[in-house]
Amino acid sequence: MDKTKGMIEAEISKALTHWEKTYLGRGSVSVKSDILRDMIIVILQGILSPAEYALCQDKEGLLSVKKNRNSLVETGIEDLKTIILEITDLEVVSFYTDISTRTGERVMVFKLSDELETKLS
C-alpha cells in the first residue's frame, strides 16, 4: 500500500518526537508536520521548560535560551536529515529552524531535493 500525504506527515511527527526525547532529553507537547511542495514544515509546541520561560523574562535570557536551543538542534541535524530521508526517500538540501520564546513553539523547515507533495497526489 502506498503511503498517503497524511500518513507520511504523521510518521514524520512521530519520528521527530522520538528524536527530541532521545536526543534532547524531553519531547514537545505536540508536533504537527505539513508537506508543502518541496518542503516539510514542522511546528513543535510546548518545548520550553518552566525554567527556560523564567529565563526569557529579560532580553539577555531570551537570547541565551534561543541560542542554546537552536545550537542543540543544529548539532543533531545529521540525525534529522537521516530521519527525513528514510521516511520520504528524498535528501534534505537545507534546514531552517527558530523558536518563539513567547509561545514556546519551534518551527523547522526541511527543504527537499525534489517536490514531495506532487509525488503524493
PDB file of N, CA and C in Angstrom:
ATOM      1  N   MET A   1       0.840  -1.183   0.000  1.00  0.00           N
ATOM      2  CA  MET A   1       0.000   0.000   0.000  1.00  0.00           C
ATOM      3  C   MET A   1       0.888   1.250   0.000  1.00  0.00           C
ATOM      4  N   ASP A   2       0.572   2.174  -0.877  1.00  0.00           N
ATOM      5  CA  ASP A   2       1.310   3.438  -0.917  1.00  0.00           C
ATOM      6  C   ASP A   2       0.865   4.318   0.238  1.00  0.00           C
ATOM      7  N   LYS A   3       1.812   5.035   0.780  1.00  0.00           N
ATOM      8  CA  LYS A   3       1.504   5.934   1.891  1.00  0.00           C
ATOM      9  C   LYS A   3       0.869   7.213   1.368  1.00  0.00           C
ATOM     10  N   THR A   4      -0.107   7.708   2.128  1.00  0.00           N
ATOM     11  CA  THR A   4      -0.743   8.982   1.785  1.00  0.00           C
ATOM     12  C   THR A   4       0.080  10.128   2.377  1.00  0.00           C
ATOM     13  N   LYS A   5      -0.233  11.328   1.933  1.00  0.00           N
ATOM     14  CA  LYS A   5       0.426  12.525   2.461  1.00  0.00           C
ATOM     15  C   LYS A   5       0.247  12.596   3.978  1.00  0.00           C
ATOM     16  N   GLY A   6      -0.973  12.365   4.438  1.00  0.00           N
ATOM     17  CA  GLY A   6      -1.272  12.396   5.873  1.00  0.00           C
ATOM     18  C   GLY A   6      -0.500  11.348   6.654  1.00  0.00           C
ATOM     19  N   MET A   7      -0.340  10.159   6.087  1.00  0.00           N
ATOM     20  CA  MET A   7       0.410   9.099   6.754  1.00  0.00           C
ATOM     21  C   MET A   7       1.887   9.476   6.899  1.00  0.00           C
ATOM     22  N   ILE A   8       2.448  10.071   5.859  1.00  0.00           N
ATOM     23  CA  ILE A   8       3.856  10.482   5.905  1.00  0.00           C
ATOM     24  C   ILE A   8       4.039  11.627   6.898  1.00  0.00           C
ATOM     25  N   GLU A   9       3.112  12.585   6.890  1.00  0.00           N
ATOM     26  CA  GLU A   9       3.180  13.700   7.849  1.00  0.00           C
ATOM     27  C   GLU A   9       3.138  13.179   9.288  1.00  0.00           C
ATOM     28  N   ALA A  10       2.250  12.211   9.549  1.00  0.00           N
ATOM     29  CA  ALA A  10       2.126  11.627  10.890  1.00  0.00           C
ATOM     30  C   ALA A  10       3.404  10.867  11.266  1.00  0.00           C
ATOM     31  N   GLU A  11       3.979  10.156  10.308  1.00  0.00           N
ATOM     32  CA  GLU A  11       5.217   9.406  10.543  1.00  0.00           C
ATOM     33  C   GLU A  11       6.378  10.356  10.878  1.00  0.00           C
ATOM     34  N   ILE A  12       6.448  11.486  10.176  1.00  0.00           N
ATOM     35  CA  ILE A  12       7.485  12.492  10.442  1.00  0.00           C
ATOM     36  C   ILE A  12       7.296  13.060  11.857  1.00  0.00           C
ATOM     37  N   SER A  13       6.071  13.413  12.209  1.00  0.00           N
ATOM     38  CA  SER A  13       5.783  13.954  13.546  1.00  0.00           C
ATOM     39  C   SER A  13       6.200  12.971  14.634  1.00  0.00           C
ATOM     40  N   LYS A  14       5.857  11.706  14.448  1.00  0.00           N
ATOM     41  CA  LYS A  14       6.191  10.672  15.431  1.00  0.00           C
ATOM     42  C   LYS A  14       7.706  10.499  15.541  1.00  0.00           C
ATOM     43  N   ALA A  15       8.393  10.474  14.404  1.00  0.00           N
ATOM     44  CA  ALA A  15       9.843  10.293  14.397  1.00  0.00           C
ATOM     45  C   ALA A  15      10.566  11.475  15.044  1.00  0.00           C
ATOM     46  N   LEU A  16      10.084  12.691  14.794  1.00  0.00           N
ATOM     47  CA  LEU A  16      10.711  13.871  15.392  1.00  0.00           C
ATOM     48  C   LEU A  16      10.454  13.937  16.896  1.00  0.00           C
ATOM     49  N   THR A  17       9.295  13.500  17.337  1.00  0.00           N
ATOM     50  CA  THR A  17       9.001  13.429  18.767  1.00  0.00           C
ATOM     51  C   THR A  17       9.967  12.452  19.439  1.00  0.00           C
ATOM     52  N   HIS A  18      10.167  11.298  18.812  1.00  0.00           N
ATOM     53  CA  HIS A  18      11.101  10.290  19.342  1.00  0.00           C
ATOM     54  C   HIS A  18      12.524  10.854  19.377  1.00  0.00           C
ATOM     55  N   TRP A  19      12.931  11.541  18.306  1.00  0.00           N
ATOM     56  CA  TRP A  19      14.275  12.145  18.250  1.00  0.00           C
ATOM     57  C   TRP A  19      14.450  13.158  19.382  1.00  0.00           C
ATOM     58  N   GLU A  20      13.448  14.006  19.585  1.00  0.00           N
ATOM     59  CA  GLU A  20      13.517  15.006  20.665  1.00  0.00           C
ATOM     60  C   GLU A  20      13.738  14.339  22.021  1.00  0.00           C
ATOM     61  N   LYS A  21      12.965  13.284  22.283  1.00  0.00           N
ATOM     62  CA  LYS A  21      13.050  12.611  23.582  1.00  0.00           C
ATOM     63  C   LYS A  21      14.400  11.927  23.769  1.00  0.00           C
ATOM     64  N   THR A  22      14.924  11.299  22.720  1.00  0.00           N
ATOM     65  CA  THR A  22      16.189  10.583  22.869  1.00  0.00           C
ATOM     66  C   THR A  22      17.389  11.513  22.784  1.00  0.00           C
ATOM     67  N   TYR A  23      17.336  12.517  21.916  1.00  0.00           N
ATOM     68  CA  TYR A  23      18.492  13.391  21.704  1.00  0.00           C
ATOM     69  C   TYR A  23      18.508  14.587  22.659  1.00  0.00           C
ATOM     70  N   LEU A  24      17.355  15.214  22.857  1.00  0.00           N
ATOM     71  CA  LEU A  24      17.289  16.419  23.688  1.00  0.00           C
ATOM     72  C   LEU A  24      16.871  16.112  25.134  1.00  0.00           C
ATOM     73  N   GLY A  25      16.400  14.904  25.378  1.00  0.00           N
ATOM     74  CA  GLY A  25      16.042  14.525  26.738  1.00  0.00           C
ATOM     75  C   GLY A  25      14.590  14.744  27.112  1.00  0.00           C
ATOM     76  N   ARG A  26      13.864  15.487  26.284  1.00  0.00           N
ATOM     77  CA  ARG A  26      12.432  15.689  26.527  1.00  0.00           C
ATOM     78  C   ARG A  26      11.763  16.067  25.216  1.00  0.00           C
ATOM     79  N   GLY A  27      10.490  15.714  25.130  1.00  0.00           N
ATOM     80  CA  GLY A  27       9.764  15.997  23.898  1.00  0.00           C
ATOM     81  C   GLY A  27       8.830  17.178  24.037  1.00  0.00           C
ATOM     82  N   SER A  28       8.301  17.605  22.919  1.00  0.00           N
ATOM     83  CA  SER A  28       7.341  18.699  22.919  1.00  0.00           C
ATOM     84  C   SER A  28       5.959  18.162  23.298  1.00  0.00           C
ATOM     85  N   VAL A  29       5.048  19.076  23.557  1.00  0.00           N
ATOM     86  CA  VAL A  29       3.677  18.694  23.914  1.00  0.00           C
ATOM     87  C   VAL A  29       2.944  18.183  22.672  1.00  0.00           C
ATOM     88  N   SER A  30       3.144  18.862  21.526  1.00  0.00           N
ATOM     89  CA  SER A  30       2.529  18.402  20.282  1.00  0.00           C
ATOM     90  C   SER A  30       3.414  18.748  19.095  1.00  0.00           C
ATOM     91  N   VAL A  31       3.309  17.914  18.070  1.00  0.00           N
ATOM     92  CA  VAL A  31       4.089  18.100  16.837  1.00  0.00           C
ATOM     93  C   VAL A  31       3.144  17.969  15.657  1.00  0.00           C
ATOM     94  N   LYS A  32       3.210  18.919  14.735  1.00  0.00           N
ATOM     95  CA  LYS A  32       2.384  18.885  13.520  1.00  0.00           C
ATOM     96  C   LYS A  32       3.299  19.090  12.329  1.00  0.00           C
ATOM     97  N   SER A  33       3.258  18.157  11.388  1.00  0.00           N
ATOM     98  CA  SER A  33       4.078  18.243  10.177  1.00  0.00           C
ATOM     99  C   SER A  33       3.189  18.439   8.960  1.00  0.00           C
ATOM    100  N   ASP A  34       3.644  19.281   8.047  1.00  0.00           N
ATOM    101  CA  ASP A  34       2.916  19.526   6.807  1.00  0.00           C
ATOM    102  C   ASP A  34       3.880  19.457   5.639  1.00  0.00           C
ATOM    103  N   ILE A  35       3.465  18.740   4.601  1.00  0.00           N
ATOM    104  CA  ILE A  35       4.247  18.675   3.363  1.00  0.00           C
ATOM    105  C   ILE A  35       3.682  19.724   2.421  1.00  0.00           C
ATOM    106  N   LEU A  36       4.557  20.608   1.956  1.00  0.00           N
ATOM    107  CA  LEU A  36       4.157  21.666   1.037  1.00  0.00           C
ATOM    108  C   LEU A  36       5.205  21.740  -0.068  1.00  0.00           C
ATOM    109  N   ARG A  37       4.801  21.427  -1.285  1.00  0.00           N
ATOM    110  CA  ARG A  37       5.714  21.405  -2.425  1.00  0.00           C
ATOM    111  C   ARG A  37       6.977  20.595  -2.104  1.00  0.00           C
ATOM    112  N   ASP A  38       8.144  21.265  -2.039  1.00  0.00           N
ATOM    113  CA  ASP A  38       9.396  20.553  -1.764  1.00  0.00           C
ATOM    114  C   ASP A  38       9.882  20.808  -0.337  1.00  0.00           C
ATOM    115  N   MET A  39       8.927  21.090   0.559  1.00  0.00           N
ATOM    116  CA  MET A  39       9.286  21.389   1.943  1.00  0.00           C
ATOM    117  C   MET A  39       8.461  20.559   2.913  1.00  0.00           C
ATOM    118  N   ILE A  40       9.060  20.324   4.069  1.00  0.00           N
ATOM    119  CA  ILE A  40       8.320  19.766   5.195  1.00  0.00           C
ATOM    120  C   ILE A  40       8.410  20.819   6.288  1.00  0.00           C
ATOM    121  N   ILE A  41       7.251  21.289   6.721  1.00  0.00           N
ATOM    122  CA  ILE A  41       7.179  22.314   7.755  1.00  0.00           C
ATOM    123  C   ILE A  41       6.663  21.639   9.024  1.00  0.00           C
ATOM    124  N   VAL A  42       7.441  21.783  10.096  1.00  0.00           N
ATOM    125  CA  VAL A  42       7.092  21.128  11.351  1.00  0.00           C
ATOM    126  C   VAL A  42       6.943  22.188  12.439  1.00  0.00           C
ATOM    127  N   ILE A  43       5.825  22.123  13.159  1.00  0.00           N
ATOM    128  CA  ILE A  43       5.586  23.010  14.296  1.00  0.00           C
ATOM    129  C   ILE A  43       5.591  22.140  15.553  1.00  0.00           C
ATOM    130  N   LEU A  44       6.484  22.457  16.478  1.00  0.00           N
ATOM    131  CA  LEU A  44       6.580  21.727  17.741  1.00  0.00           C
ATOM    132  C   LEU A  44       6.142  22.685  18.844  1.00  0.00           C
ATOM    133  N   GLN A  45       5.136  22.291  19.605  1.00  0.00           N
ATOM    134  CA  GLN A  45       4.609  23.166  20.656  1.00  0.00           C
ATOM    135  C   GLN A  45       4.990  22.644  22.031  1.00  0.00           C
ATOM    136  N   GLY A  46       5.184  23.586  22.953  1.00  0.00           N
ATOM    137  CA  GLY A  46       5.469  23.209  24.341  1.00  0.00           C
ATOM    138  C   GLY A  46       6.867  22.667  24.537  1.00  0.00           C
ATOM    139  N   ILE A  47       7.858  23.300  23.918  1.00  0.00           N
ATOM    140  CA  ILE A  47       9.218  22.760  24.005  1.00  0.00           C
ATOM    141  C   ILE A  47      10.050  23.360  25.132  1.00  0.00           C
ATOM    142  N   LEU A  48       9.628  24.504  25.664  1.00  0.00           N
ATOM    143  CA  LEU A  48      10.417  25.148  26.714  1.00  0.00           C
ATOM    144  C   LEU A  48      10.039  24.640  28.100  1.00  0.00           C
ATOM    145  N   SER A  49      11.038  24.518  28.952  1.00  0.00           N
ATOM    146  CA  SER A  49      10.797  24.123  30.340  1.00  0.00           C
ATOM    147  C   SER A  49      10.350  25.362  31.130  1.00  0.00           C
ATOM    148  N   PRO A  50       9.737  25.160  32.309  1.00  0.00           N
ATOM    149  CA  PRO A  50       9.366  26.309  33.143  1.00  0.00           C
ATOM    150  C   PRO A  50      10.582  27.202  33.466  1.00  0.00           C
ATOM    151  N   ALA A  51      11.741  26.598  33.678  1.00  0.00           N
ATOM    152  CA  ALA A  51      12.955  27.375  33.970  1.00  0.00           C
ATOM    153  C   ALA A  51      13.345  28.242  32.774  1.00  0.00           C
ATOM    154  N   GLU A  52      13.190  27.710  31.559  1.00  0.00           N
ATOM    155  CA  GLU A  52      13.519  28.494  30.364  1.00  0.00           C
ATOM    156  C   GLU A  52      12.547  29.665  30.188  1.00  0.00           C
ATOM    157  N   TYR A  53      11.252  29.430  30.461  1.00  0.00           N
ATOM    158  CA  TYR A  53      10.286  30.534  30.402  1.00  0.00           C
ATOM    159  C   TYR A  53      10.688  31.638  31.375  1.00  0.00           C
ATOM    160  N   ALA A  54      11.102  31.256  32.587  1.00  0.00           N
ATOM    161  CA  ALA A  54      11.520  32.233  33.599  1.00  0.00           C
ATOM    162  C   ALA A  54      12.744  33.005  33.111  1.00  0.00           C
ATOM    163  N   LEU A  55      13.667  32.312  32.479  1.00  0.00           N
ATOM    164  CA  LEU A  55      14.879  32.941  31.959  1.00  0.00           C
ATOM    165  C   LEU A  55      14.563  33.940  30.849  1.00  0.00           C
ATOM    166  N   CYS A  56      13.482  33.702  30.132  1.00  0.00           N
ATOM    167  CA  CYS A  56      13.102  34.544  28.988  1.00  0.00           C
ATOM    168  C   CYS A  56      12.459  35.871  29.396  1.00  0.00           C
ATOM    169  N   GLN A  57      12.377  36.155  30.685  1.00  0.00           N
ATOM    170  CA  GLN A  57      11.735  37.389  31.143  1.00  0.00           C
ATOM    171  C   GLN A  57      12.524  38.634  30.754  1.00  0.00           C
ATOM    172  N   ASP A  58      13.838  38.499  30.557  1.00  0.00           N
ATOM    173  CA  ASP A  58      14.608  39.651  30.076  1.00  0.00           C
ATOM    174  C   ASP A  58      15.296  39.300  28.756  1.00  0.00           C
ATOM    175  N   LYS A  59      15.716  40.338  28.034  1.00  0.00           N
ATOM    176  CA  LYS A  59      16.254  40.152  26.685  1.00  0.00           C
ATOM    177  C   LYS A  59      17.488  39.258  26.654  1.00  0.00           C
ATOM    178  N   GLU A  60      18.383  39.426  27.628  1.00  0.00           N
ATOM    179  CA  GLU A  60      19.604  38.616  27.675  1.00  0.00           C
ATOM    180  C   GLU A  60      19.273  37.125  27.847  1.00  0.00           C
ATOM    181  N   GLY A  61      18.349  36.830  28.754  1.00  0.00           N
ATOM    182  CA  GLY A  61      17.931  35.446  28.987  1.00  0.00           C
ATOM    183  C   GLY A  61      17.234  34.864  27.773  1.00  0.00           C
ATOM    184  N   LEU A  62      16.383  35.668  27.159  1.00  0.00           N
ATOM    185  CA  LEU A  62      15.655  35.255  25.958  1.00  0.00           C
ATOM    186  C   LEU A  62      16.622  34.863  24.847  1.00  0.00           C
ATOM    187  N   LEU A  63      17.622  35.712  24.589  1.00  0.00           N
ATOM    188  CA  LEU A  63      18.598  35.427  23.532  1.00  0.00           C
ATOM    189  C   LEU A  63      19.431  34.199  23.875  1.00  0.00           C
ATOM    190  N   SER A  64      19.738  34.025  25.139  1.00  0.00           N
ATOM    191  CA  SER A  64      20.501  32.868  25.604  1.00  0.00           C
ATOM    192  C   SER A  64      19.725  31.562  25.350  1.00  0.00           C
ATOM    193  N   VAL A  65      18.447  31.546  25.711  1.00  0.00           N
ATOM    194  CA  VAL A  65      17.605  30.353  25.504  1.00  0.00           C
ATOM    195  C   VAL A  65      17.497  30.042  24.014  1.00  0.00           C
ATOM    196  N   LYS A  66      17.237  31.068  23.199  1.00  0.00           N
ATOM    197  CA  LYS A  66      17.132  30.882  21.739  1.00  0.00           C
ATOM    198  C   LYS A  66      18.422  30.279  21.180  1.00  0.00           C
ATOM    199  N   LYS A  67      19.548  30.878  21.553  1.00  0.00           N
ATOM    200  CA  LYS A  67      20.852  30.437  21.042  1.00  0.00           C
ATOM    201  C   LYS A  67      21.140  28.993  21.455  1.00  0.00           C
ATOM    202  N   ASN A  68      20.941  28.695  22.733  1.00  0.00           N
ATOM    203  CA  ASN A  68      21.222  27.346  23.227  1.00  0.00           C
ATOM    204  C   ASN A  68      20.307  26.302  22.603  1.00  0.00           C
ATOM    205  N   ARG A  69      19.020  26.596  22.536  1.00  0.00           N
ATOM    206  CA  ARG A  69      18.070  25.644  21.947  1.00  0.00           C
ATOM    207  C   ARG A  69      18.371  25.404  20.462  1.00  0.00           C
ATOM    208  N   ASN A  70      18.667  26.482  19.727  1.00  0.00           N
ATOM    209  CA  ASN A  70      18.976  26.325  18.305  1.00  0.00           C
ATOM    210  C   ASN A  70      20.287  25.569  18.104  1.00  0.00           C
ATOM    211  N   SER A  71      21.271  25.815  18.953  1.00  0.00           N
ATOM    212  CA  SER A  71      22.540  25.084  18.865  1.00  0.00           C
ATOM    213  C   SER A  71      22.336  23.597  19.103  1.00  0.00           C
ATOM    214  N   LEU A  72      21.506  23.254  20.085  1.00  0.00           N
ATOM    215  CA  LEU A  72      21.226  21.842  20.368  1.00  0.00           C
ATOM    216  C   LEU A  72      20.623  21.143  19.147  1.00  0.00           C
ATOM    217  N   VAL A  73      19.661  21.795  18.520  1.00  0.00           N
ATOM    218  CA  VAL A  73      19.014  21.203  17.342  1.00  0.00           C
ATOM    219  C   VAL A  73      20.013  21.103  16.188  1.00  0.00           C
ATOM    220  N   GLU A  74      20.796  22.163  15.972  1.00  0.00           N
ATOM    221  CA  GLU A  74      21.772  22.165  14.870  1.00  0.00           C
ATOM    222  C   GLU A  74      22.795  21.031  15.019  1.00  0.00           C
ATOM    223  N   THR A  75      23.187  20.693  16.256  1.00  0.00           N
ATOM    224  CA  THR A  75      24.154  19.607  16.430  1.00  0.00           C
ATOM    225  C   THR A  75      23.556  18.248  16.057  1.00  0.00           C
ATOM    226  N   GLY A  76      22.242  18.161  16.039  1.00  0.00           N
ATOM    227  CA  GLY A  76      21.584  16.906  15.667  1.00  0.00           C
ATOM    228  C   GLY A  76      21.082  16.885  14.235  1.00  0.00           C
ATOM    229  N   ILE A  77      21.519  17.838  13.413  1.00  0.00           N
ATOM    230  CA  ILE A  77      20.977  17.968  12.049  1.00  0.00           C
ATOM    231  C   ILE A  77      21.193  16.716  11.201  1.00  0.00           C
ATOM    232  N   GLU A  78      22.327  16.050  11.351  1.00  0.00           N
ATOM    233  CA  GLU A  78      22.564  14.843  10.549  1.00  0.00           C
ATOM    234  C   GLU A  78      21.531  13.763  10.861  1.00  0.00           C
ATOM    235  N   ASP A  79      21.186  13.608  12.149  1.00  0.00           N
ATOM    236  CA  ASP A  79      20.132  12.660  12.539  1.00  0.00           C
ATOM    237  C   ASP A  79      18.799  13.054  11.905  1.00  0.00           C
ATOM    238  N   LEU A  80      18.493  14.350  11.954  1.00  0.00           N
ATOM    239  CA  LEU A  80      17.230  14.831  11.393  1.00  0.00           C
ATOM    240  C   LEU A  80      17.167  14.585   9.884  1.00  0.00           C
ATOM    241  N   LYS A  81      18.272  14.863   9.188  1.00  0.00           N
ATOM    242  CA  LYS A  81      18.317  14.630   7.736  1.00  0.00           C
ATOM    243  C   LYS A  81      18.114  13.152   7.415  1.00  0.00           C
ATOM    244  N   THR A  82      18.703  12.285   8.230  1.00  0.00           N
ATOM    245  CA  THR A  82      18.553  10.835   8.022  1.00  0.00           C
ATOM    246  C   THR A  82      17.116  10.404   8.233  1.00  0.00           C
ATOM    247  N   ILE A  83      16.475  10.930   9.282  1.00  0.00           N
ATOM    248  CA  ILE A  83      15.065  10.605   9.560  1.00  0.00           C
ATOM    249  C   ILE A  83      14.195  10.975   8.358  1.00  0.00           C
ATOM    250  N   ILE A  84      14.369  12.189   7.836  1.00  0.00           N
ATOM    251  CA  ILE A  84      13.561  12.656   6.700  1.00  0.00           C
ATOM    252  C   ILE A  84      13.849  11.819   5.454  1.00  0.00           C
ATOM    253  N   LEU A  85      15.111  11.502   5.211  1.00  0.00           N
ATOM    254  CA  LEU A  85      15.485  10.673   4.055  1.00  0.00           C
ATOM    255  C   LEU A  85      14.834   9.292   4.142  1.00  0.00           C
ATOM    256  N   GLU A  86      14.885   8.685   5.325  1.00  0.00           N
ATOM    257  CA  GLU A  86      14.308   7.342   5.493  1.00  0.00           C
ATOM    258  C   GLU A  86      12.799   7.332   5.275  1.00  0.00           C
ATOM    259  N   ILE A  87      12.128   8.393   5.675  1.00  0.00           N
ATOM    260  CA  ILE A  87      10.667   8.444   5.547  1.00  0.00           C
ATOM    261  C   ILE A  87      10.231   8.841   4.141  1.00  0.00           C
ATOM    262  N   THR A  88      10.955   9.785   3.507  1.00  0.00           N
ATOM    263  CA  THR A  88      10.488  10.355   2.233  1.00  0.00           C
ATOM    264  C   THR A  88      11.267   9.874   1.007  1.00  0.00           C
ATOM    265  N   ASP A  89      12.430   9.248   1.225  1.00  0.00           N
ATOM    266  CA  ASP A  89      13.342   8.880   0.130  1.00  0.00           C
ATOM    267  C   ASP A  89      13.883  10.107  -0.602  1.00  0.00           C
ATOM    268  N   LEU A  90      13.873  11.262   0.062  1.00  0.00           N
ATOM    269  CA  LEU A  90      14.413  12.492  -0.522  1.00  0.00           C
ATOM    270  C   LEU A  90      15.446  13.093   0.420  1.00  0.00           C
ATOM    271  N   GLU A  91      16.503  13.649  -0.165  1.00  0.00           N
ATOM    272  CA  GLU A  91      17.555  14.307   0.601  1.00  0.00           C
ATOM    273  C   GLU A  91      17.063  15.659   1.105  1.00  0.00           C
ATOM    274  N   VAL A  92      17.545  16.054   2.266  1.00  0.00           N
ATOM    275  CA  VAL A  92      17.310  17.401   2.779  1.00  0.00           C
ATOM    276  C   VAL A  92      18.448  18.272   2.252  1.00  0.00           C
ATOM    277  N   VAL A  93      18.112  19.296   1.463  1.00  0.00           N
ATOM    278  CA  VAL A  93      19.150  20.171   0.904  1.00  0.00           C
ATOM    279  C   VAL A  93      19.425  21.366   1.807  1.00  0.00           C
ATOM    280  N   SER A  94      18.434  21.787   2.586  1.00  0.00           N
ATOM    281  CA  SER A  94      18.679  22.836   3.575  1.00  0.00           C
ATOM    282  C   SER A  94      17.669  22.706   4.705  1.00  0.00           C
ATOM    283  N   PHE A  95      18.058  23.274   5.838  1.00  0.00           N
ATOM    284  CA  PHE A  95      17.260  23.163   7.064  1.00  0.00           C
ATOM    285  C   PHE A  95      17.244  24.514   7.760  1.00  0.00           C
ATOM    286  N   TYR A  96      16.073  24.913   8.208  1.00  0.00           N
ATOM    287  CA  TYR A  96      15.902  26.178   8.915  1.00  0.00           C
ATOM    288  C   TYR A  96      15.112  25.910  10.191  1.00  0.00           C
ATOM    289  N   THR A  97      15.461  26.611  11.261  1.00  0.00           N
ATOM    290  CA  THR A  97      14.694  26.454  12.492  1.00  0.00           C
ATOM    291  C   THR A  97      14.740  27.743  13.306  1.00  0.00           C
ATOM    292  N   ASP A  98      13.683  27.971  14.046  1.00  0.00           N
ATOM    293  CA  ASP A  98      13.665  29.071  15.002  1.00  0.00           C
ATOM    294  C   ASP A  98      12.671  28.721  16.094  1.00  0.00           C
ATOM    295  N   ILE A  99      12.792  29.442  17.192  1.00  0.00           N
ATOM    296  CA  ILE A  99      11.962  29.179  18.360  1.00  0.00           C
ATOM    297  C   ILE A  99      11.312  30.492  18.802  1.00  0.00           C
ATOM    298  N   SER A 100      10.075  30.395  19.246  1.00  0.00           N
ATOM    299  CA  SER A 100       9.421  31.560  19.847  1.00  0.00           C
ATOM    300  C   SER A 100       9.492  31.381  21.354  1.00  0.00           C
ATOM    301  N   THR A 101      10.206  32.286  22.009  1.00  0.00           N
ATOM    302  CA  THR A 101      10.303  32.203  23.464  1.00  0.00           C
ATOM    303  C   THR A 101       9.013  32.696  24.122  1.00  0.00           C
ATOM    304  N   ARG A 102       8.156  33.336  23.357  1.00  0.00           N
ATOM    305  CA  ARG A 102       6.872  33.812  23.891  1.00  0.00           C
ATOM    306  C   ARG A 102       5.850  32.683  23.937  1.00  0.00           C
ATOM    307  N   THR A 103       5.762  31.912  22.822  1.00  0.00           N
ATOM    308  CA  THR A 103       4.754  30.846  22.747  1.00  0.00           C
ATOM    309  C   THR A 103       5.331  29.465  23.071  1.00  0.00           C
ATOM    310  N   GLY A 104       6.654  29.349  23.091  1.00  0.00           N
ATOM    311  CA  GLY A 104       7.260  28.043  23.335  1.00  0.00           C
ATOM    312  C   GLY A 104       7.160  27.115  22.139  1.00  0.00           C
ATOM    313  N   GLU A 105       7.000  27.686  20.949  1.00  0.00           N
ATOM    314  CA  GLU A 105       6.928  26.890  19.717  1.00  0.00           C
ATOM    315  C   GLU A 105       8.264  26.908  18.990  1.00  0.00           C
ATOM    316  N   ARG A 106       8.566  25.792  18.335  1.00  0.00           N
ATOM    317  CA  ARG A 106       9.696  25.725  17.424  1.00  0.00           C
ATOM    318  C   ARG A 106       9.143  25.437  16.036  1.00  0.00           C
ATOM    319  N   VAL A 107       9.715  26.104  15.033  1.00  0.00           N
ATOM    320  CA  VAL A 107       9.377  25.830  13.642  1.00  0.00           C
ATOM    321  C   VAL A 107      10.619  25.217  13.000  1.00  0.00           C
ATOM    322  N   MET A 108      10.429  24.129  12.282  1.00  0.00           N
ATOM    323  CA  MET A 108      11.503  23.519  11.496  1.00  0.00           C
ATOM    324  C   MET A 108      11.042  23.458  10.050  1.00  0.00           C
ATOM    325  N   VAL A 109      11.909  23.823   9.132  1.00  0.00           N
ATOM    326  CA  VAL A 109      11.594  23.702   7.712  1.00  0.00           C
ATOM    327  C   VAL A 109      12.712  22.882   7.063  1.00  0.00           C
ATOM    328  N   PHE A 110      12.315  21.776   6.456  1.00  0.00           N
ATOM    329  CA  PHE A 110      13.240  20.932   5.710  1.00  0.00           C
ATOM    330  C   PHE A 110      12.989  21.170   4.230  1.00  0.00           C
ATOM    331  N   LYS A 111      13.960  21.666   3.513  1.00  0.00           N
ATOM    332  CA  LYS A 111      13.859  21.866   2.054  1.00  0.00           C
ATOM    333  C   LYS A 111      14.408  20.604   1.412  1.00  0.00           C
ATOM    334  N   LEU A 112      13.605  19.964   0.582  1.00  0.00           N
ATOM    335  CA  LEU A 112      13.955  18.665  -0.002  1.00  0.00           C
ATOM    336  C   LEU A 112      14.552  18.798  -1.395  1.00  0.00           C
ATOM    337  N   SER A 113      15.206  17.739  -1.834  1.00  0.00           N
ATOM    338  CA  SER A 113      15.865  17.730  -3.149  1.00  0.00           C
ATOM    339  C   SER A 113      14.877  17.649  -4.306  1.00  0.00           C
ATOM    340  N   ASP A 114      13.626  17.325  -4.018  1.00  0.00           N
ATOM    341  CA  ASP A 114      12.614  17.222  -5.065  1.00  0.00           C
ATOM    342  C   ASP A 114      11.253  17.528  -4.442  1.00  0.00           C
ATOM    343  N   GLU A 115      10.270  17.740  -5.298  1.00  0.00           N
ATOM    344  CA  GLU A 115       8.931  18.051  -4.821  1.00  0.00           C
ATOM    345  C   GLU A 115       8.248  16.781  -4.327  1.00  0.00           C
ATOM    346  N   LEU A 116       7.904  16.742  -3.058  1.00  0.00           N
ATOM    347  CA  LEU A 116       7.271  15.579  -2.454  1.00  0.00           C
ATOM    348  C   LEU A 116       5.765  15.625  -2.587  1.00  0.00           C
ATOM    349  N   GLU A 117       5.177  16.804  -2.433  1.00  0.00           N
ATOM    350  CA  GLU A 117       3.714  16.932  -2.454  1.00  0.00           C
ATOM    351  C   GLU A 117       3.137  16.417  -3.778  1.00  0.00           C
ATOM    352  N   THR A 118       3.761  16.752  -4.901  1.00  0.00           N
ATOM    353  CA  THR A 118       3.277  16.317  -6.230  1.00  0.00           C
ATOM    354  C   THR A 118       3.349  14.798  -6.360  1.00  0.00           C
ATOM    355  N   LYS A 119       4.425  14.206  -5.854  1.00  0.00           N
ATOM    356  CA  LYS A 119       4.605  12.754  -5.928  1.00  0.00           C
ATOM    357  C   LYS A 119       3.516  12.019  -5.162  1.00  0.00           C
ATOM    358  N   LEU A 120       2.981  12.659  -4.140  1.00  0.00           N
ATOM    359  CA  LEU A 120       1.987  12.011  -3.296  1.00  0.00           C
ATOM    360  C   LEU A 120       0.554  12.224  -3.777  1.00  0.00           C
ATOM    361  N   SER A 121       0.344  13.163  -4.691  1.00  0.00           N
ATOM    362  CA  SER A 121      -1.033  13.430  -5.136  1.00  0.00           C
ATOM    363  C   SER A 121      -1.368  12.683  -6.407  1.00  0.00           C
TER     364      SER A 121
END
